[in-house]
Amino acid sequence: MIQITPHMKILLAVEPVDFRKGIDGLAGVCRNILKHDPFSGYVFIFKNKRGTALKILFYDGQGFWLCMKRFSKGKLCWWPDHVEDNLCNLASYELQVLLWNSNPKNISVSKWKEI
């Protein structure tokens, strides 16, 4: 089980990726396109082209975790626009909101603590 904690660095890849890619393919995207080491311990978030699913790649020091969430209804309601380096930083609470298919930029840290 993966536990996302507030001290973790979470990087969201803005451009969609081919979801036929597995661990090695997504690690290659991290290295070659995002210019980050997949062994860094960062949590990498990817979406498919249609915006109906997310993949999370994470190295825990012993091996890689690859998780996928496919939304049963509709598409992602939020995804960042193009940014300079194709990456968007997320806080742990923002990832939790994104996984529930809501807009993480509409919830502040103080409001999250109330929930």
N, C-alpha and C. Protein backbone atom coordinates (compact mmCIF):
# COMPACT_ATOMS: atom_id res chain seq x y z
N MET A 1 0.84 -1.18 0.00
CA MET A 1 0.00 0.00 0.00
C MET A 1 0.88 1.24 0.00
N ILE A 2 0.51 2.21 -0.78
CA ILE A 2 1.24 3.47 -0.84
C ILE A 2 0.58 4.46 0.10
N GLN A 3 1.39 5.11 0.89
CA GLN A 3 0.87 6.17 1.74
C GLN A 3 1.45 7.49 1.25
N ILE A 4 0.60 8.38 0.81
CA ILE A 4 1.03 9.69 0.35
C ILE A 4 1.07 10.61 1.57
N THR A 5 2.24 11.15 1.85
CA THR A 5 2.41 12.01 3.02
C THR A 5 2.72 13.44 2.58
N PRO A 6 2.49 14.41 3.45
CA PRO A 6 2.69 15.82 3.08
C PRO A 6 4.12 16.17 2.68
N HIS A 7 5.10 15.42 3.14
CA HIS A 7 6.49 15.77 2.79
C HIS A 7 6.91 15.23 1.41
N MET A 8 6.09 14.42 0.77
CA MET A 8 6.45 13.84 -0.53
C MET A 8 6.34 14.89 -1.63
N LYS A 9 7.24 14.78 -2.59
CA LYS A 9 7.18 15.65 -3.77
C LYS A 9 6.35 14.92 -4.83
N ILE A 10 5.31 15.59 -5.30
CA ILE A 10 4.38 15.00 -6.27
C ILE A 10 4.45 15.83 -7.54
N LEU A 11 4.79 15.16 -8.64
CA LEU A 11 4.93 15.83 -9.93
C LEU A 11 3.90 15.28 -10.90
N LEU A 12 3.12 16.16 -11.48
CA LEU A 12 2.07 15.80 -12.42
C LEU A 12 2.56 16.15 -13.83
N ALA A 13 2.61 15.15 -14.69
CA ALA A 13 3.01 15.36 -16.09
C ALA A 13 1.82 15.95 -16.84
N VAL A 14 1.98 17.14 -17.37
CA VAL A 14 0.86 17.85 -18.00
C VAL A 14 0.42 17.18 -19.30
N GLU A 15 1.36 16.76 -20.12
CA GLU A 15 1.02 16.12 -21.39
C GLU A 15 0.60 14.67 -21.16
N PRO A 16 -0.44 14.21 -21.85
CA PRO A 16 -0.87 12.81 -21.69
C PRO A 16 0.18 11.83 -22.19
N VAL A 17 0.14 10.61 -21.66
CA VAL A 17 1.06 9.56 -22.09
C VAL A 17 0.27 8.36 -22.62
N ASP A 18 0.95 7.52 -23.36
CA ASP A 18 0.38 6.28 -23.89
C ASP A 18 0.23 5.31 -22.72
N PHE A 19 -0.98 4.93 -22.40
CA PHE A 19 -1.22 4.07 -21.24
C PHE A 19 -0.89 2.60 -21.50
N ARG A 20 -0.36 2.29 -22.67
CA ARG A 20 0.18 0.95 -22.87
C ARG A 20 1.53 0.82 -22.18
N LYS A 21 2.12 1.95 -21.80
CA LYS A 21 3.41 1.93 -21.10
C LYS A 21 3.23 1.38 -19.70
N GLY A 22 4.19 0.57 -19.31
CA GLY A 22 4.24 0.04 -17.96
C GLY A 22 5.27 0.80 -17.14
N ILE A 23 5.84 0.14 -16.15
CA ILE A 23 6.82 0.77 -15.26
C ILE A 23 8.02 1.27 -16.05
N ASP A 24 8.62 0.42 -16.87
CA ASP A 24 9.83 0.83 -17.59
C ASP A 24 9.55 1.96 -18.57
N GLY A 25 8.42 1.91 -19.26
CA GLY A 25 8.08 2.96 -20.21
C GLY A 25 7.83 4.29 -19.52
N LEU A 26 7.13 4.28 -18.40
CA LEU A 26 6.88 5.52 -17.67
C LEU A 26 8.15 6.04 -16.99
N ALA A 27 9.01 5.13 -16.54
CA ALA A 27 10.30 5.56 -16.00
C ALA A 27 11.11 6.26 -17.08
N GLY A 28 11.01 5.77 -18.32
CA GLY A 28 11.67 6.42 -19.44
C GLY A 28 11.10 7.80 -19.71
N VAL A 29 9.80 7.96 -19.58
CA VAL A 29 9.17 9.29 -19.73
C VAL A 29 9.71 10.23 -18.65
N CYS A 30 9.81 9.73 -17.43
CA CYS A 30 10.36 10.55 -16.33
C CYS A 30 11.78 11.02 -16.67
N ARG A 31 12.61 10.09 -17.12
CA ARG A 31 14.00 10.39 -17.41
C ARG A 31 14.16 11.29 -18.63
N ASN A 32 13.55 10.90 -19.75
CA ASN A 32 13.84 11.54 -21.03
C ASN A 32 12.99 12.76 -21.34
N ILE A 33 11.76 12.78 -20.89
CA ILE A 33 10.87 13.90 -21.22
C ILE A 33 10.75 14.87 -20.05
N LEU A 34 10.51 14.32 -18.85
CA LEU A 34 10.34 15.18 -17.68
C LEU A 34 11.66 15.60 -17.05
N LYS A 35 12.75 14.91 -17.42
CA LYS A 35 14.10 15.22 -16.92
C LYS A 35 14.21 15.07 -15.40
N HIS A 36 13.59 14.00 -14.88
CA HIS A 36 13.67 13.68 -13.46
C HIS A 36 14.01 12.20 -13.31
N ASP A 37 14.72 11.88 -12.25
CA ASP A 37 15.12 10.51 -11.96
C ASP A 37 13.93 9.74 -11.38
N PRO A 38 13.49 8.67 -12.04
CA PRO A 38 12.35 7.92 -11.50
C PRO A 38 12.66 7.24 -10.17
N PHE A 39 13.95 7.09 -9.82
CA PHE A 39 14.36 6.49 -8.54
C PHE A 39 14.45 7.52 -7.42
N SER A 40 14.03 8.75 -7.68
CA SER A 40 14.18 9.85 -6.73
C SER A 40 13.24 9.75 -5.52
N GLY A 41 12.20 8.94 -5.62
CA GLY A 41 11.20 8.89 -4.56
C GLY A 41 10.05 9.85 -4.80
N TYR A 42 10.12 10.62 -5.89
CA TYR A 42 9.01 11.50 -6.25
C TYR A 42 7.83 10.64 -6.69
N VAL A 43 6.65 11.17 -6.53
CA VAL A 43 5.42 10.53 -7.02
C VAL A 43 5.10 11.19 -8.35
N PHE A 44 5.04 10.40 -9.42
CA PHE A 44 4.76 10.93 -10.76
C PHE A 44 3.33 10.56 -11.14
N ILE A 45 2.58 11.55 -11.61
CA ILE A 45 1.18 11.35 -11.98
C ILE A 45 1.05 11.57 -13.49
N PHE A 46 0.38 10.64 -14.16
CA PHE A 46 0.18 10.72 -15.61
C PHE A 46 -1.31 10.54 -15.91
N LYS A 47 -1.75 11.10 -17.03
CA LYS A 47 -3.12 10.85 -17.49
C LYS A 47 -3.07 10.31 -18.90
N ASN A 48 -4.15 9.63 -19.29
CA ASN A 48 -4.23 9.15 -20.66
C ASN A 48 -4.79 10.26 -21.56
N LYS A 49 -4.74 10.02 -22.85
CA LYS A 49 -5.13 11.04 -23.82
C LYS A 49 -6.60 11.45 -23.67
N ARG A 50 -7.47 10.51 -23.39
CA ARG A 50 -8.90 10.81 -23.27
C ARG A 50 -9.27 11.44 -21.93
N GLY A 51 -8.35 11.40 -20.97
CA GLY A 51 -8.62 11.99 -19.66
C GLY A 51 -9.57 11.16 -18.81
N THR A 52 -9.60 9.87 -19.07
CA THR A 52 -10.49 8.99 -18.32
C THR A 52 -9.76 8.15 -17.26
N ALA A 53 -8.43 8.29 -17.20
CA ALA A 53 -7.67 7.46 -16.26
C ALA A 53 -6.38 8.17 -15.84
N LEU A 54 -5.88 7.77 -14.68
CA LEU A 54 -4.61 8.26 -14.13
C LEU A 54 -3.71 7.07 -13.84
N LYS A 55 -2.40 7.29 -13.97
CA LYS A 55 -1.41 6.32 -13.50
C LYS A 55 -0.46 7.05 -12.56
N ILE A 56 -0.07 6.36 -11.51
CA ILE A 56 0.87 6.89 -10.52
C ILE A 56 2.08 5.97 -10.49
N LEU A 57 3.26 6.55 -10.66
CA LEU A 57 4.53 5.81 -10.60
C LEU A 57 5.30 6.32 -9.40
N PHE A 58 5.78 5.39 -8.58
CA PHE A 58 6.47 5.76 -7.35
C PHE A 58 7.50 4.70 -7.00
N TYR A 59 8.73 5.14 -6.68
CA TYR A 59 9.78 4.24 -6.22
C TYR A 59 9.91 4.38 -4.71
N ASP A 60 9.77 3.28 -3.97
CA ASP A 60 9.78 3.35 -2.50
C ASP A 60 11.10 2.95 -1.86
N GLY A 61 12.14 2.79 -2.65
CA GLY A 61 13.44 2.38 -2.12
C GLY A 61 13.71 0.90 -2.31
N GLN A 62 12.68 0.11 -2.54
CA GLN A 62 12.83 -1.32 -2.78
C GLN A 62 12.32 -1.73 -4.15
N GLY A 63 11.46 -0.92 -4.71
CA GLY A 63 10.88 -1.25 -6.00
C GLY A 63 9.86 -0.20 -6.41
N PHE A 64 9.35 -0.37 -7.61
CA PHE A 64 8.37 0.58 -8.15
C PHE A 64 6.95 0.13 -7.83
N TRP A 65 6.11 1.12 -7.60
CA TRP A 65 4.67 0.95 -7.53
C TRP A 65 4.09 1.58 -8.78
N LEU A 66 3.17 0.91 -9.41
CA LEU A 66 2.44 1.49 -10.54
C LEU A 66 0.96 1.28 -10.24
N CYS A 67 0.26 2.37 -10.06
CA CYS A 67 -1.17 2.32 -9.74
C CYS A 67 -1.95 2.99 -10.86
N MET A 68 -3.14 2.51 -11.11
CA MET A 68 -3.99 3.10 -12.13
C MET A 68 -5.39 3.28 -11.57
N LYS A 69 -5.97 4.42 -11.91
CA LYS A 69 -7.38 4.65 -11.58
C LYS A 69 -8.09 5.03 -12.86
N ARG A 70 -9.12 4.25 -13.19
CA ARG A 70 -9.96 4.58 -14.34
C ARG A 70 -11.30 5.05 -13.78
N PHE A 71 -11.72 6.23 -14.21
CA PHE A 71 -12.97 6.80 -13.73
C PHE A 71 -14.15 6.08 -14.38
N SER A 72 -15.11 5.67 -13.58
CA SER A 72 -16.24 4.91 -14.11
C SER A 72 -17.23 5.80 -14.86
N LYS A 73 -17.23 7.08 -14.54
CA LYS A 73 -18.13 8.00 -15.23
C LYS A 73 -17.36 9.25 -15.64
N GLY A 74 -17.39 9.55 -16.91
CA GLY A 74 -16.83 10.80 -17.40
C GLY A 74 -15.31 10.86 -17.43
N LYS A 75 -14.84 12.09 -17.51
CA LYS A 75 -13.42 12.38 -17.63
C LYS A 75 -12.97 13.22 -16.45
N LEU A 76 -11.66 13.42 -16.38
CA LEU A 76 -11.11 14.29 -15.35
C LEU A 76 -11.74 15.68 -15.48
N CYS A 77 -12.17 16.23 -14.37
CA CYS A 77 -12.78 17.55 -14.43
C CYS A 77 -11.73 18.66 -14.34
N TRP A 78 -10.49 18.32 -13.97
CA TRP A 78 -9.42 19.32 -13.90
C TRP A 78 -8.10 18.70 -14.34
N TRP A 79 -7.35 19.46 -15.09
CA TRP A 79 -5.97 19.12 -15.43
C TRP A 79 -5.29 20.43 -15.79
N PRO A 80 -4.05 20.64 -15.39
CA PRO A 80 -3.41 21.93 -15.67
C PRO A 80 -3.17 22.14 -17.16
N ASP A 81 -3.16 23.40 -17.53
CA ASP A 81 -2.81 23.75 -18.91
C ASP A 81 -1.32 23.58 -19.10
N HIS A 82 -0.87 23.81 -20.30
CA HIS A 82 0.56 23.69 -20.59
C HIS A 82 1.35 24.61 -19.67
N VAL A 83 2.42 24.07 -19.12
CA VAL A 83 3.33 24.84 -18.28
C VAL A 83 4.71 24.74 -18.88
N GLU A 84 5.62 25.55 -18.38
CA GLU A 84 6.95 25.69 -18.97
C GLU A 84 7.71 24.37 -19.12
N ASP A 85 7.78 23.58 -18.07
CA ASP A 85 8.59 22.36 -18.13
C ASP A 85 7.76 21.08 -18.17
N ASN A 86 6.48 21.18 -18.54
CA ASN A 86 5.58 20.03 -18.67
C ASN A 86 5.30 19.35 -17.33
N LEU A 87 5.58 20.04 -16.23
CA LEU A 87 5.33 19.48 -14.90
C LEU A 87 4.57 20.46 -14.04
N CYS A 88 3.74 19.93 -13.18
CA CYS A 88 3.00 20.73 -12.21
C CYS A 88 3.20 20.08 -10.84
N ASN A 89 3.58 20.86 -9.86
CA ASN A 89 3.73 20.35 -8.50
C ASN A 89 2.37 20.29 -7.82
N LEU A 90 2.14 19.22 -7.08
CA LEU A 90 0.93 19.07 -6.30
C LEU A 90 1.29 18.79 -4.85
N ALA A 91 0.46 19.28 -3.95
CA ALA A 91 0.58 18.91 -2.54
C ALA A 91 -0.16 17.59 -2.34
N SER A 92 0.11 16.92 -1.25
CA SER A 92 -0.52 15.61 -1.02
C SER A 92 -2.04 15.72 -0.96
N TYR A 93 -2.55 16.77 -0.34
CA TYR A 93 -4.01 16.92 -0.28
C TYR A 93 -4.59 17.19 -1.67
N GLU A 94 -3.84 17.88 -2.54
CA GLU A 94 -4.32 18.13 -3.89
C GLU A 94 -4.41 16.83 -4.69
N LEU A 95 -3.46 15.92 -4.47
CA LEU A 95 -3.54 14.62 -5.13
C LEU A 95 -4.77 13.86 -4.66
N GLN A 96 -5.06 13.90 -3.37
CA GLN A 96 -6.25 13.23 -2.86
C GLN A 96 -7.52 13.76 -3.52
N VAL A 97 -7.59 15.07 -3.69
CA VAL A 97 -8.76 15.69 -4.33
C VAL A 97 -8.83 15.27 -5.80
N LEU A 98 -7.68 15.27 -6.49
CA LEU A 98 -7.64 14.88 -7.89
C LEU A 98 -8.10 13.43 -8.06
N LEU A 99 -7.70 12.55 -7.15
CA LEU A 99 -8.11 11.15 -7.25
C LEU A 99 -9.61 10.97 -7.07
N TRP A 100 -10.28 11.92 -6.46
CA TRP A 100 -11.74 11.90 -6.33
C TRP A 100 -12.39 12.68 -7.47
N ASN A 101 -11.59 13.03 -8.49
CA ASN A 101 -12.04 13.73 -9.69
C ASN A 101 -12.68 15.08 -9.37
N SER A 102 -11.99 15.85 -8.54
CA SER A 102 -12.38 17.22 -8.25
C SER A 102 -11.21 18.13 -8.58
N ASN A 103 -11.45 19.41 -8.54
CA ASN A 103 -10.41 20.39 -8.85
C ASN A 103 -9.63 20.71 -7.59
N PRO A 104 -8.36 20.28 -7.52
CA PRO A 104 -7.57 20.52 -6.31
C PRO A 104 -7.23 21.99 -6.09
N LYS A 105 -7.33 22.79 -7.12
CA LYS A 105 -6.99 24.21 -6.98
C LYS A 105 -8.14 25.00 -6.36
N ASN A 106 -9.30 24.36 -6.17
CA ASN A 106 -10.43 25.02 -5.52
C ASN A 106 -10.47 24.78 -4.02
N ILE A 107 -9.53 24.00 -3.50
CA ILE A 107 -9.53 23.67 -2.07
C ILE A 107 -8.22 24.14 -1.44
N SER A 108 -8.33 24.93 -0.40
CA SER A 108 -7.15 25.42 0.30
C SER A 108 -6.74 24.42 1.38
N VAL A 109 -5.53 24.57 1.89
CA VAL A 109 -5.04 23.68 2.94
C VAL A 109 -5.94 23.77 4.17
N SER A 110 -6.35 24.96 4.54
CA SER A 110 -7.19 25.11 5.73
C SER A 110 -8.55 24.44 5.53
N LYS A 111 -9.12 24.56 4.34
CA LYS A 111 -10.41 23.91 4.07
C LYS A 111 -10.24 22.40 4.08
N TRP A 112 -9.11 21.89 3.54
CA TRP A 112 -8.85 20.45 3.50
C TRP A 112 -8.81 19.88 4.92
N LYS A 113 -8.20 20.62 5.85
CA LYS A 113 -8.09 20.13 7.23
C LYS A 113 -9.45 20.03 7.90
N GLU A 114 -10.43 20.80 7.41
CA GLU A 114 -11.78 20.75 7.99
C GLU A 114 -12.53 19.51 7.52
N ILE A 115 -12.17 18.99 6.36
CA ILE A 115 -12.91 17.86 5.76
C ILE A 115 -12.64 16.57 6.49
